[in-house]
C-alpha atoms as a PDB file:
ATOM      1  CA  UNK A   1      -3.344   0.798 -30.962  1.00  0.00           C
ATOM      2  CA  UNK A   2      -3.680  -2.955 -30.533  1.00  0.00           C
ATOM      3  CA  UNK A   3      -2.385  -3.833 -34.101  1.00  0.00           C
ATOM      4  CA  UNK A   4       1.194  -4.197 -35.786  1.00  0.00           C
ATOM      5  CA  UNK A   5       2.081  -1.648 -38.164  1.00  0.00           C
ATOM      6  CA  UNK A   6       1.851  -2.661 -41.803  1.00  0.00           C
ATOM      7  CA  UNK A   7       4.266  -1.226 -44.253  1.00  0.00           C
ATOM      8  CA  UNK A   8       4.228  -2.153 -48.024  1.00  0.00           C
ATOM      9  CA  UNK A   9       4.595  -0.630 -51.530  1.00  0.00           C
ATOM     10  CA  UNK A  10       1.816  -0.269 -54.004  1.00  0.00           C
ATOM     11  CA  UNK A  11       1.316   1.054 -57.476  1.00  0.00           C
ATOM     12  CA  UNK A  12      -1.031   3.721 -58.233  1.00  0.00           C
ATOM     13  CA  UNK A  13      -4.606   2.397 -58.634  1.00  0.00           C
ATOM     14  CA  UNK A  14      -6.760  -0.079 -56.638  1.00  0.00           C
ATOM     15  CA  UNK A  15      -4.540  -1.484 -53.693  1.00  0.00           C
ATOM     16  CA  UNK A  16      -7.247  -3.773 -52.443  1.00  0.00           C
ATOM     17  CA  UNK A  17      -7.652  -4.723 -48.645  1.00  0.00           C
ATOM     18  CA  UNK A  18      -4.964  -4.148 -46.037  1.00  0.00           C
ATOM     19  CA  UNK A  19      -5.310  -6.564 -43.088  1.00  0.00           C
ATOM     20  CA  UNK A  20      -3.584  -5.686 -39.773  1.00  0.00           C
ATOM     21  CA  UNK A  21      -2.520  -8.325 -37.452  1.00  0.00           C
ATOM     22  CA  UNK A  22      -3.547  -7.860 -33.718  1.00  0.00           C
ATOM     23  CA  UNK A  23      -0.813  -7.005 -31.308  1.00  0.00           C
ATOM     24  CA  UNK A  24      -1.330  -8.747 -28.066  1.00  0.00           C
ATOM     25  CA  UNK A  25       0.646  -8.125 -24.941  1.00  0.00           C
ATOM     26  CA  UNK A  26       0.447 -10.021 -21.466  1.00  0.00           C
ATOM     27  CA  UNK A  27       0.893  -7.797 -18.601  1.00  0.00           C
ATOM     28  CA  UNK A  28       2.561  -9.290 -15.303  1.00  0.00           C
ATOM     29  CA  UNK A  29       0.916  -6.885 -13.116  1.00  0.00           C
ATOM     30  CA  UNK A  30      -0.766  -3.182 -12.981  1.00  0.00           C
ATOM     31  CA  UNK A  31       0.195  -0.897 -10.029  1.00  0.00           C
ATOM     32  CA  UNK A  32      -2.136   1.967  -9.595  1.00  0.00           C
ATOM     33  CA  UNK A  33      -0.720   4.693  -7.289  1.00  0.00           C
ATOM     34  CA  UNK A  34      -2.656   7.249  -5.474  1.00  0.00           C
ATOM     35  CA  UNK A  35      -2.002   9.794  -2.813  1.00  0.00           C
ATOM     36  CA  UNK A  36      -4.477  10.126   0.220  1.00  0.00           C
ATOM     37  CA  UNK A  37      -5.044  13.521   1.346  1.00  0.00           C
ATOM     38  CA  UNK A  38      -3.690  14.040   4.973  1.00  0.00           C
ATOM     39  CA  UNK A  39      -6.638  16.494   5.600  1.00  0.00           C
ATOM     40  CA  UNK A  40     -10.262  15.995   4.847  1.00  0.00           C
ATOM     41  CA  UNK A  41     -13.546  17.547   5.547  1.00  0.00           C
ATOM     42  CA  UNK A  42     -15.792  15.438   7.936  1.00  0.00           C
ATOM     43  CA  UNK A  43     -19.030  16.031   9.640  1.00  0.00           C
ATOM     44  CA  UNK A  44     -17.257  17.349  12.692  1.00  0.00           C
ATOM     45  CA  UNK A  45     -14.542  19.559  11.073  1.00  0.00           C
ATOM     46  CA  UNK A  46     -11.208  19.191   9.229  1.00  0.00           C
ATOM     47  CA  UNK A  47      -9.480  15.904  10.224  1.00  0.00           C
ATOM     48  CA  UNK A  48      -5.839  15.437   9.596  1.00  0.00           C
ATOM     49  CA  UNK A  49      -4.476  11.795   9.382  1.00  0.00           C
ATOM     50  CA  UNK A  50      -1.284  11.386  11.467  1.00  0.00           C
ATOM     51  CA  UNK A  51      -0.720   7.502  11.726  1.00  0.00           C
ATOM     52  CA  UNK A  52       1.137   6.276   8.716  1.00  0.00           C
ATOM     53  CA  UNK A  53       2.280   9.719   7.538  1.00  0.00           C
ATOM     54  CA  UNK A  54       5.391  12.030   7.931  1.00  0.00           C
ATOM     55  CA  UNK A  55       3.283  13.714  10.673  1.00  0.00           C
ATOM     56  CA  UNK A  56       4.046  10.862  12.941  1.00  0.00           C
ATOM     57  CA  UNK A  57       7.629  11.841  13.124  1.00  0.00           C
ATOM     58  CA  UNK A  58       7.023  15.475  14.290  1.00  0.00           C
ATOM     59  CA  UNK A  59       8.037  14.756  17.724  1.00  0.00           C
ATOM     60  CA  UNK A  60       5.587  15.556  20.622  1.00  0.00           C
ATOM     61  CA  UNK A  61       1.748  16.556  20.136  1.00  0.00           C
ATOM     62  CA  UNK A  62       2.764  20.107  20.758  1.00  0.00           C
ATOM     63  CA  UNK A  63       4.966  19.825  17.671  1.00  0.00           C
ATOM     64  CA  UNK A  64       2.559  18.035  15.599  1.00  0.00           C
ATOM     65  CA  UNK A  65      -0.127  20.691  16.066  1.00  0.00           C
ATOM     66  CA  UNK A  66       2.129  23.205  14.341  1.00  0.00           C
ATOM     67  CA  UNK A  67       1.742  21.232  11.168  1.00  0.00           C
ATOM     68  CA  UNK A  68      -1.991  20.864  11.312  1.00  0.00           C
ATOM     69  CA  UNK A  69      -3.891  23.355   8.976  1.00  0.00           C
ATOM     70  CA  UNK A  70      -5.665  26.390  10.629  1.00  0.00           C
ATOM     71  CA  UNK A  71      -3.763  25.493  13.870  1.00  0.00           C
ATOM     72  CA  UNK A  72      -0.928  28.124  15.401  1.00  0.00           C
ATOM     73  CA  UNK A  73       1.277  27.209  18.274  1.00  0.00           C
ATOM     74  CA  UNK A  74       3.052  30.053  19.559  1.00  0.00           C
ATOM     75  CA  UNK A  75       6.586  29.928  21.282  1.00  0.00           C
ATOM     76  CA  UNK A  76       5.076  29.535  24.871  1.00  0.00           C
ATOM     77  CA  UNK A  77       3.028  26.497  23.708  1.00  0.00           C
ATOM     78  CA  UNK A  78      -0.399  28.382  23.362  1.00  0.00           C
ATOM     79  CA  UNK A  79      -2.588  26.867  20.718  1.00  0.00           C
ATOM     80  CA  UNK A  80      -5.104  29.110  18.641  1.00  0.00           C
ATOM     81  CA  UNK A  81      -7.191  28.279  15.571  1.00  0.00           C
ATOM     82  CA  UNK A  82      -7.236  30.777  12.769  1.00  0.00           C
ATOM     83  CA  UNK A  83     -10.255  33.014  12.999  1.00  0.00           C
ATOM     84  CA  UNK A  84     -11.607  31.173  16.031  1.00  0.00           C
ATOM     85  CA  UNK A  85      -9.229  31.962  18.968  1.00  0.00           C
ATOM     86  CA  UNK A  86      -8.136  29.627  21.727  1.00  0.00           C
ATOM     87  CA  UNK A  87      -9.705  26.204  21.333  1.00  0.00           C
ATOM     88  CA  UNK A  88     -10.662  23.532  23.902  1.00  0.00           C
ATOM     89  CA  UNK A  89      -8.459  20.598  23.370  1.00  0.00           C
ATOM     90  CA  UNK A  90      -9.569  16.901  23.874  1.00  0.00           C
ATOM     91  CA  UNK A  91      -7.591  13.712  23.968  1.00  0.00           C
ATOM     92  CA  UNK A  92      -9.681  10.638  23.433  1.00  0.00           C
ATOM     93  CA  UNK A  93     -12.565  12.642  24.754  1.00  0.00           C
ATOM     94  CA  UNK A  94     -11.004  14.007  27.720  1.00  0.00           C
ATOM     95  CA  UNK A  95     -10.591  17.705  28.118  1.00  0.00           C
ATOM     96  CA  UNK A  96      -6.984  18.891  28.829  1.00  0.00           C
ATOM     97  CA  UNK A  97      -6.707  21.569  31.365  1.00  0.00           C
ATOM     98  CA  UNK A  98      -2.994  22.015  31.163  1.00  0.00           C
ATOM     99  CA  UNK A  99      -1.256  22.774  27.873  1.00  0.00           C
ATOM    100  CA  UNK A 100       1.867  21.115  29.138  1.00  0.00           C
ATOM    101  CA  UNK A 101       0.242  17.655  28.713  1.00  0.00           C
ATOM    102  CA  UNK A 102       0.783  18.333  24.899  1.00  0.00           C
ATOM    103  CA  UNK A 103       4.556  17.629  25.764  1.00  0.00           C
ATOM    104  CA  UNK A 104       3.863  14.273  27.189  1.00  0.00           C
ATOM    105  CA  UNK A 105       2.188  12.485  24.199  1.00  0.00           C
ATOM    106  CA  UNK A 106       4.401  11.347  21.130  1.00  0.00           C
ATOM    107  CA  UNK A 107       3.152  12.165  17.784  1.00  0.00           C
ATOM    108  CA  UNK A 108       3.823   8.466  17.138  1.00  0.00           C
ATOM    109  CA  UNK A 109       0.894   7.561  19.250  1.00  0.00           C
ATOM    110  CA  UNK A 110      -1.643   9.817  17.607  1.00  0.00           C
ATOM    111  CA  UNK A 111      -4.200   8.417  15.021  1.00  0.00           C
ATOM    112  CA  UNK A 112      -5.598  11.615  13.820  1.00  0.00           C
ATOM    113  CA  UNK A 113      -6.381  15.284  14.816  1.00  0.00           C
ATOM    114  CA  UNK A 114      -9.782  16.910  14.066  1.00  0.00           C
ATOM    115  CA  UNK A 115     -10.248  20.780  14.009  1.00  0.00           C
ATOM    116  CA  UNK A 116     -13.855  21.712  14.760  1.00  0.00           C
ATOM    117  CA  UNK A 117     -14.460  25.488  14.013  1.00  0.00           C
ATOM    118  CA  UNK A 118     -18.248  25.217  14.691  1.00  0.00           C
ATOM    119  CA  UNK A 119     -18.782  23.219  17.889  1.00  0.00           C
ATOM    120  CA  UNK A 120     -22.063  21.597  18.382  1.00  0.00           C
ATOM    121  CA  UNK A 121     -24.587  21.608  21.354  1.00  0.00           C
ATOM    122  CA  UNK A 122     -22.140  19.039  23.473  1.00  0.00           C
ATOM    123  CA  UNK A 123     -19.756  21.910  23.952  1.00  0.00           C
ATOM    124  CA  UNK A 124     -19.978  25.124  26.020  1.00  0.00           C
ATOM    125  CA  UNK A 125     -21.792  28.042  24.218  1.00  0.00           C
ATOM    126  CA  UNK A 126     -18.620  30.268  24.701  1.00  0.00           C
ATOM    127  CA  UNK A 127     -16.382  27.796  22.737  1.00  0.00           C
ATOM    128  CA  UNK A 128     -15.522  28.879  19.288  1.00  0.00           C
ATOM    129  CA  UNK A 129     -13.203  26.007  18.346  1.00  0.00           C
ATOM    130  CA  UNK A 130     -12.136  22.505  19.517  1.00  0.00           C
ATOM    131  CA  UNK A 131      -9.224  20.147  18.850  1.00  0.00           C
ATOM    132  CA  UNK A 132      -9.964  16.584  19.140  1.00  0.00           C
ATOM    133  CA  UNK A 133      -6.667  14.326  19.406  1.00  0.00           C
ATOM    134  CA  UNK A 134      -7.285  10.472  18.743  1.00  0.00           C
ATOM    135  CA  UNK A 135      -4.578   8.201  19.934  1.00  0.00           C
ATOM    136  CA  UNK A 136      -3.754   4.768  18.434  1.00  0.00           C
ATOM    137  CA  UNK A 137      -5.372   1.934  20.475  1.00  0.00           C
ATOM    138  CA  UNK A 138      -2.518   0.191  22.413  1.00  0.00           C
ATOM    139  CA  UNK A 139      -1.988  -3.430  21.392  1.00  0.00           C
ATOM    140  CA  UNK A 140      -0.392  -6.247  23.517  1.00  0.00           C
ATOM    141  CA  UNK A 141       0.014  -6.508  27.375  1.00  0.00           C
ATOM    142  CA  UNK A 142       2.422  -5.825  29.989  1.00  0.00           C
ATOM    143  CA  UNK A 143       4.991  -2.974  30.493  1.00  0.00           C
ATOM    144  CA  UNK A 144       5.875  -0.331  27.866  1.00  0.00           C
ATOM    145  CA  UNK A 145       7.610   3.215  28.147  1.00  0.00           C
ATOM    146  CA  UNK A 146       9.625   5.765  26.527  1.00  0.00           C
ATOM    147  CA  UNK A 147      12.291   8.390  27.356  1.00  0.00           C
ATOM    148  CA  UNK A 148      12.488  11.622  25.407  1.00  0.00           C
ATOM    149  CA  UNK A 149      15.034  14.708  25.596  1.00  0.00           C
ATOM    150  CA  UNK A 150      14.597  17.991  24.001  1.00  0.00           C
ATOM    151  CA  UNK A 151      17.067  20.984  23.740  1.00  0.00           C
ATOM    152  CA  UNK A 152      16.777  24.365  22.151  1.00  0.00           C
ATOM    153  CA  UNK A 153      18.762  27.548  22.242  1.00  0.00           C
ATOM    154  CA  UNK A 154      17.414  31.140  22.037  1.00  0.00           C
ATOM    155  CA  UNK A 155      19.579  33.441  23.711  1.00  0.00           C
ATOM    156  CA  UNK A 156      20.108  30.855  26.467  1.00  0.00           C
ATOM    157  CA  UNK A 157      19.945  27.098  26.597  1.00  0.00           C
ATOM    158  CA  UNK A 158      16.550  25.491  27.220  1.00  0.00           C
ATOM    159  CA  UNK A 159      16.160  21.742  27.869  1.00  0.00           C
ATOM    160  CA  UNK A 160      13.595  19.075  28.931  1.00  0.00           C
ATOM    161  CA  UNK A 161      13.752  15.516  29.680  1.00  0.00           C
ATOM    162  CA  UNK A 162      10.889  13.165  30.175  1.00  0.00           C
ATOM    163  CA  UNK A 163      10.122   9.476  30.945  1.00  0.00           C
ATOM    164  CA  UNK A 164       6.921   7.677  30.744  1.00  0.00           C
ATOM    165  CA  UNK A 165       5.821   4.202  31.796  1.00  0.00           C
ATOM    166  CA  UNK A 166       2.658   2.189  31.194  1.00  0.00           C
ATOM    167  CA  UNK A 167       1.348  -1.183  32.282  1.00  0.00           C
ATOM    168  CA  UNK A 168      -1.503  -2.843  30.271  1.00  0.00           C
ATOM    169  CA  UNK A 169      -3.840  -5.796  31.124  1.00  0.00           C
ATOM    170  CA  UNK A 170      -7.120  -6.308  29.379  1.00  0.00           C
ATOM    171  CA  UNK A 171      -8.722  -2.975  28.886  1.00  0.00           C
ATOM    172  CA  UNK A 172      -6.843  -1.423  31.977  1.00  0.00           C
ATOM    173  CA  UNK A 173      -3.725   0.883  31.482  1.00  0.00           C
ATOM    174  CA  UNK A 174      -2.053   2.175  34.396  1.00  0.00           C
ATOM    175  CA  UNK A 175       0.416   4.935  33.708  1.00  0.00           C
ATOM    176  CA  UNK A 176       2.809   7.429  34.993  1.00  0.00           C
ATOM    177  CA  UNK A 177       5.325   9.903  33.898  1.00  0.00           C
ATOM    178  CA  UNK A 178       8.150  12.258  35.216  1.00  0.00           C
ATOM    179  CA  UNK A 179       9.255  15.494  33.446  1.00  0.00           C
ATOM    180  CA  UNK A 180      12.122  17.850  34.330  1.00  0.00           C
ATOM    181  CA  UNK A 181      12.463  21.065  32.331  1.00  0.00           C
ATOM    182  CA  UNK A 182      14.582  24.309  32.689  1.00  0.00           C
ATOM    183  CA  UNK A 183      13.539  27.235  30.225  1.00  0.00           C
ATOM    184  CA  UNK A 184      14.425  30.792  29.795  1.00  0.00           C
ATOM    185  CA  UNK A 185      12.188  33.434  28.358  1.00  0.00           C
ATOM    186  CA  UNK A 186      13.497  36.755  26.763  1.00  0.00           C
ATOM    187  CA  UNK A 187      11.273  39.433  25.069  1.00  0.00           C
ATOM    188  CA  UNK A 188      11.841  43.011  24.129  1.00  0.00           C
ATOM    189  CA  UNK A 189       9.098  45.694  24.661  1.00  0.00           C
ATOM    190  CA  UNK A 190       8.758  49.093  22.832  1.00  0.00           C
ATOM    191  CA  UNK A 191       6.094  51.795  22.895  1.00  0.00           C
ATOM    192  CA  UNK A 192       5.929  55.033  21.153  1.00  0.00           C
ATOM    193  CA  UNK A 193       3.465  57.596  22.553  1.00  0.00           C
ATOM    194  CA  UNK A 194       2.434  61.017  21.308  1.00  0.00           C
ATOM    195  CA  UNK A 195       0.353  63.260  23.804  1.00  0.00           C
ATOM    196  CA  UNK A 196      -1.043  66.433  22.077  1.00  0.00           C
ATOM    197  CA  UNK A 197      -1.725  69.659  24.269  1.00  0.00           C
ATOM    198  CA  UNK A 198      -3.057  72.967  23.360  1.00  0.00           C
ATOM    199  CA  UNK A 199       0.219  74.414  22.402  1.00  0.00           C
ATOM    200  CA  UNK A 200       2.730  71.381  22.500  1.00  0.00           C
ATOM    201  CA  UNK A 201       3.076  67.916  21.595  1.00  0.00           C
ATOM    202  CA  UNK A 202       4.883  65.599  23.775  1.00  0.00           C
ATOM    203  CA  UNK A 203       6.694  62.352  22.376  1.00  0.00           C
ATOM    204  CA  UNK A 204       7.326  59.633  25.007  1.00  0.00           C
ATOM    205  CA  UNK A 205       9.349  56.410  24.043  1.00  0.00           C
ATOM    206  CA  UNK A 206       9.760  53.464  26.333  1.00  0.00           C
ATOM    207  CA  UNK A 207      11.965  50.539  25.790  1.00  0.00           C
ATOM    208  CA  UNK A 208      11.987  47.337  28.008  1.00  0.00           C
ATOM    209  CA  UNK A 209      12.887  43.778  28.225  1.00  0.00           C
ATOM    210  CA  UNK A 210      11.717  40.826  30.125  1.00  0.00           C
ATOM    211  CA  UNK A 211      13.915  37.966  31.496  1.00  0.00           C
ATOM    212  CA  UNK A 212      12.418  34.991  33.204  1.00  0.00           C
ATOM    213  CA  UNK A 213      13.540  31.418  34.010  1.00  0.00           C
ATOM    214  CA  UNK A 214      11.262  28.374  34.830  1.00  0.00           C
ATOM    215  CA  UNK A 215      12.690  25.263  36.035  1.00  0.00           C
ATOM    216  CA  UNK A 216      11.597  22.188  38.024  1.00  0.00           C
ATOM    217  CA  UNK A 217       9.704  18.806  37.808  1.00  0.00           C
ATOM    218  CA  UNK A 218       6.167  17.569  36.719  1.00  0.00           C
ATOM    219  CA  UNK A 219       4.770  14.342  37.431  1.00  0.00           C
ATOM    220  CA  UNK A 220       1.508  12.375  36.632  1.00  0.00           C
ATOM    221  CA  UNK A 221      -0.065   9.130  37.647  1.00  0.00           C
ATOM    222  CA  UNK A 222      -3.323   7.697  36.445  1.00  0.00           C
ATOM    223  CA  UNK A 223      -5.356   4.939  34.823  1.00  0.00           C
ATOM    224  CA  UNK A 224      -7.606   4.275  31.778  1.00  0.00           C
ATOM    225  CA  UNK A 225     -10.106   1.591  31.370  1.00  0.00           C
ATOM    226  CA  UNK A 226     -11.640   0.839  27.959  1.00  0.00           C
ATOM    227  CA  UNK A 227     -15.045  -0.891  27.782  1.00  0.00           C
ATOM    228  CA  UNK A 228     -15.248  -0.791  24.157  1.00  0.00           C
ATOM    229  CA  UNK A 229     -14.169   1.472  21.319  1.00  0.00           C
ATOM    230  CA  UNK A 230     -16.764   4.257  22.410  1.00  0.00           C
ATOM    231  CA  UNK A 231     -16.698   3.967  26.002  1.00  0.00           C
ATOM    232  CA  UNK A 232     -13.730   4.567  28.309  1.00  0.00           C
ATOM    233  CA  UNK A 233     -13.160   5.740  32.025  1.00  0.00           C
ATOM    234  CA  UNK A 234     -10.185   7.152  33.560  1.00  0.00           C
ATOM    235  CA  UNK A 235      -8.676   9.451  36.026  1.00  0.00           C
ATOM    236  CA  UNK A 236      -5.272  11.245  36.043  1.00  0.00           C
ATOM    237  CA  UNK A 237      -3.486  13.292  38.796  1.00  0.00           C
ATOM    238  CA  UNK A 238      -0.762  15.565  38.281  1.00  0.00           C
ATOM    239  CA  UNK A 239       1.515  16.937  41.125  1.00  0.00           C
ATOM    240  CA  UNK A 240       4.599  18.826  41.198  1.00  0.00           C
ATOM    241  CA  UNK A 241       4.969  22.013  39.070  1.00  0.00           C
ATOM    242  CA  UNK A 242       7.807  24.200  37.591  1.00  0.00           C
ATOM    243  CA  UNK A 243       9.190  26.969  39.675  1.00  0.00           C
ATOM    244  CA  UNK A 244       9.893  30.577  38.501  1.00  0.00           C
ATOM    245  CA  UNK A 245      13.406  31.308  39.739  1.00  0.00           C
ATOM    246  CA  UNK A 246      13.175  35.010  38.468  1.00  0.00           C
ATOM    247  CA  UNK A 247      10.982  37.071  36.569  1.00  0.00           C
ATOM    248  CA  UNK A 248      12.481  40.797  35.867  1.00  0.00           C
ATOM    249  CA  UNK A 249      11.121  43.528  33.847  1.00  0.00           C
ATOM    250  CA  UNK A 250      13.364  46.549  32.845  1.00  0.00           C
ATOM    251  CA  UNK A 251      11.904  49.675  31.296  1.00  0.00           C
ATOM    252  CA  UNK A 252      13.642  53.060  30.244  1.00  0.00           C
ATOM    253  CA  UNK A 253      11.507  56.220  29.300  1.00  0.00           C
ATOM    254  CA  UNK A 254      12.618  59.132  27.345  1.00  0.00           C
ATOM    255  CA  UNK A 255      10.640  62.228  26.644  1.00  0.00           C
END
């Protein structure tokens, strides 16, 4: 390596010295490729990078969390951390009290997600896990907004439409949003029960189903003011809520 190959014919006996000529090569450029892991272990917990990865195309934050390691989101939008139960969820340090807010934040606006499985003293002693969502700092000034629609089918049609508007000047953001949804829920129930008596055994079987429909608007209005990277203050008010048109439970028993 690094020299030209020398080929020649020699008679039996002393062949003397063989000198190899150097082979030089000029490289135009060298490219070193590496894949940065999406999830890494930090001092707080498991941090998953979203910005600049395929996870930013997941949809809304509720869809994004389904792709985060150790996090599970069920069909009703309830989050859980493997082995740690239901977590407290924070967005930029603000605790979420309504899981529906996860449907109002786009995954494209998320910088990273940190899953904390051993919460520190700053959290309530009853909290077994925490999910911290950090969004991308907004750039520029003026108006911005987005509109999103979501459709699904499971026994019946389910759809959701949402519009968000934001005005930014300096460190102040004033925002509002409106969402309308119409969703159906269907589930089957089954129970087999054996009752042992002194002389007889009774077998009881129950089969049931649940039908429900929720629909209506949700709206929010608020502001955030960012003093610096580590200090912000804000207020958010939510009004209006979905209505339950019907909730039916049917059960049949056989003995």
